């Protein structure tokens, strides 16, 4: 039983390391991906798991302005980093491709900077 617990802990550690690599591969700060994950979660009491192009544009606007990055540049990078994926059959809809990645992002101990 002790070996099983060790194996499970090691697996969780490796999964979290992988997710951290994905976040670091993104162009935005970690709080931006946390914000997207929180928004893609529950809406009006329903689990949604998708975000529209316009929602992503709005949620990432402040961070993108700091880097002079367009929404299309942000999306291209987030898709390439594996943090978002398009929803098949739904134009301009995106989702976090792995539910445990969404859980990881929502649990990040980061918050957006205060507006000045």
Protein backbone atom coordinates (compact mmCIF):
# COMPACT_ATOMS: atom_id res chain seq x y z
CA UNK A 1 0.00 0.00 0.00
CA UNK A 2 2.84 2.39 0.79
CA UNK A 3 4.27 1.88 -2.72
CA UNK A 4 0.90 2.65 -4.28
CA UNK A 5 0.66 5.94 -2.36
CA UNK A 6 4.18 6.86 -3.45
CA UNK A 7 3.35 6.05 -7.07
CA UNK A 8 0.19 8.17 -6.94
CA UNK A 9 2.06 11.10 -5.38
CA UNK A 10 4.79 10.83 -8.02
CA UNK A 11 2.18 10.74 -10.77
CA UNK A 12 0.47 13.88 -9.44
CA UNK A 13 3.84 15.61 -9.13
CA UNK A 14 4.75 14.75 -12.73
CA UNK A 15 1.34 15.87 -14.01
CA UNK A 16 1.67 19.20 -12.19
CA UNK A 17 5.20 19.64 -13.56
CA UNK A 18 3.83 19.06 -17.06
CA UNK A 19 1.05 21.60 -16.50
CA UNK A 20 3.56 24.13 -15.19
CA UNK A 21 5.59 23.64 -18.38
CA UNK A 22 2.44 24.38 -20.43
CA UNK A 23 1.80 27.59 -18.45
CA UNK A 24 5.44 28.64 -18.87
CA UNK A 25 5.15 27.98 -22.63
CA UNK A 26 2.33 30.53 -22.81
CA UNK A 27 3.00 34.20 -23.51
CA UNK A 28 0.80 35.48 -20.68
CA UNK A 29 1.33 35.48 -16.94
CA UNK A 30 -0.15 32.56 -15.00
CA UNK A 31 -2.98 34.68 -13.57
CA UNK A 32 -4.39 35.13 -17.10
CA UNK A 33 -4.77 31.37 -17.57
CA UNK A 34 -6.27 31.09 -14.08
CA UNK A 35 -8.81 33.76 -15.03
CA UNK A 36 -9.72 31.85 -18.19
CA UNK A 37 -10.07 28.58 -16.28
CA UNK A 38 -12.31 30.20 -13.68
CA UNK A 39 -14.47 31.74 -16.42
CA UNK A 40 -14.66 28.43 -18.31
CA UNK A 41 -15.93 26.66 -15.22
CA UNK A 42 -19.30 27.45 -13.78
CA UNK A 43 -21.68 30.01 -15.28
CA UNK A 44 -25.09 30.61 -13.77
CA UNK A 45 -24.89 27.32 -11.86
CA UNK A 46 -24.02 25.28 -14.96
CA UNK A 47 -20.67 23.74 -15.86
CA UNK A 48 -19.79 25.25 -19.23
CA UNK A 49 -16.13 24.53 -20.01
CA UNK A 50 -16.12 26.72 -23.14
CA UNK A 51 -15.21 30.31 -23.82
CA UNK A 52 -16.04 32.36 -26.88
CA UNK A 53 -13.48 34.38 -28.81
CA UNK A 54 -15.07 37.55 -27.42
CA UNK A 55 -14.94 36.29 -23.83
CA UNK A 56 -11.26 35.43 -24.19
CA UNK A 57 -10.64 38.83 -25.77
CA UNK A 58 -12.24 40.58 -22.79
CA UNK A 59 -10.64 38.39 -20.11
CA UNK A 60 -7.12 38.78 -21.51
CA UNK A 61 -7.32 42.43 -22.60
CA UNK A 62 -5.34 43.97 -19.71
CA UNK A 63 -2.52 41.44 -19.94
CA UNK A 64 -2.31 41.69 -23.72
CA UNK A 65 -2.13 45.50 -23.62
CA UNK A 66 0.94 45.26 -21.38
CA UNK A 67 2.67 43.18 -24.06
CA UNK A 68 1.09 44.85 -27.10
CA UNK A 69 -0.27 41.44 -28.08
CA UNK A 70 -3.40 40.96 -30.18
CA UNK A 71 -6.11 38.48 -29.27
CA UNK A 72 -5.16 36.39 -32.29
CA UNK A 73 -1.52 36.27 -31.16
CA UNK A 74 -2.61 35.29 -27.66
CA UNK A 75 -4.91 32.55 -28.97
CA UNK A 76 -2.27 31.18 -31.34
CA UNK A 77 0.18 30.90 -28.47
CA UNK A 78 -2.37 29.42 -26.02
CA UNK A 79 -3.36 26.83 -28.63
CA UNK A 80 0.28 25.99 -29.38
CA UNK A 81 1.08 25.70 -25.64
CA UNK A 82 -1.86 23.32 -25.18
CA UNK A 83 -3.68 25.61 -22.75
CA UNK A 84 -6.72 26.04 -25.01
CA UNK A 85 -8.15 24.07 -27.90
CA UNK A 86 -10.91 24.87 -30.39
CA UNK A 87 -14.27 23.22 -29.81
CA UNK A 88 -15.13 21.01 -32.77
CA UNK A 89 -18.21 22.11 -34.63
CA UNK A 90 -18.49 25.39 -32.71
CA UNK A 91 -17.02 28.39 -34.49
CA UNK A 92 -14.98 30.73 -32.27
CA UNK A 93 -15.41 28.57 -29.14
CA UNK A 94 -12.47 27.33 -27.10
CA UNK A 95 -11.97 25.07 -24.11
CA UNK A 96 -9.26 23.91 -21.76
CA UNK A 97 -8.41 20.58 -23.37
CA UNK A 98 -7.88 18.52 -20.18
CA UNK A 99 -10.22 18.85 -17.22
CA UNK A 100 -7.42 18.30 -14.70
CA UNK A 101 -5.47 21.11 -16.41
CA UNK A 102 -8.46 23.36 -15.72
CA UNK A 103 -8.42 22.25 -12.08
CA UNK A 104 -4.68 22.96 -11.92
CA UNK A 105 -5.10 26.43 -13.43
CA UNK A 106 -7.97 27.31 -11.06
CA UNK A 107 -5.80 26.28 -8.09
CA UNK A 108 -2.82 28.45 -9.01
CA UNK A 109 -1.85 30.75 -6.11
CA UNK A 110 -1.75 33.86 -8.31
CA UNK A 111 -4.03 36.86 -8.69
CA UNK A 112 -4.19 39.62 -11.31
CA UNK A 113 -2.22 42.74 -10.46
CA UNK A 114 -4.16 45.66 -9.02
CA UNK A 115 -5.31 48.23 -11.56
CA UNK A 116 -3.42 51.48 -11.32
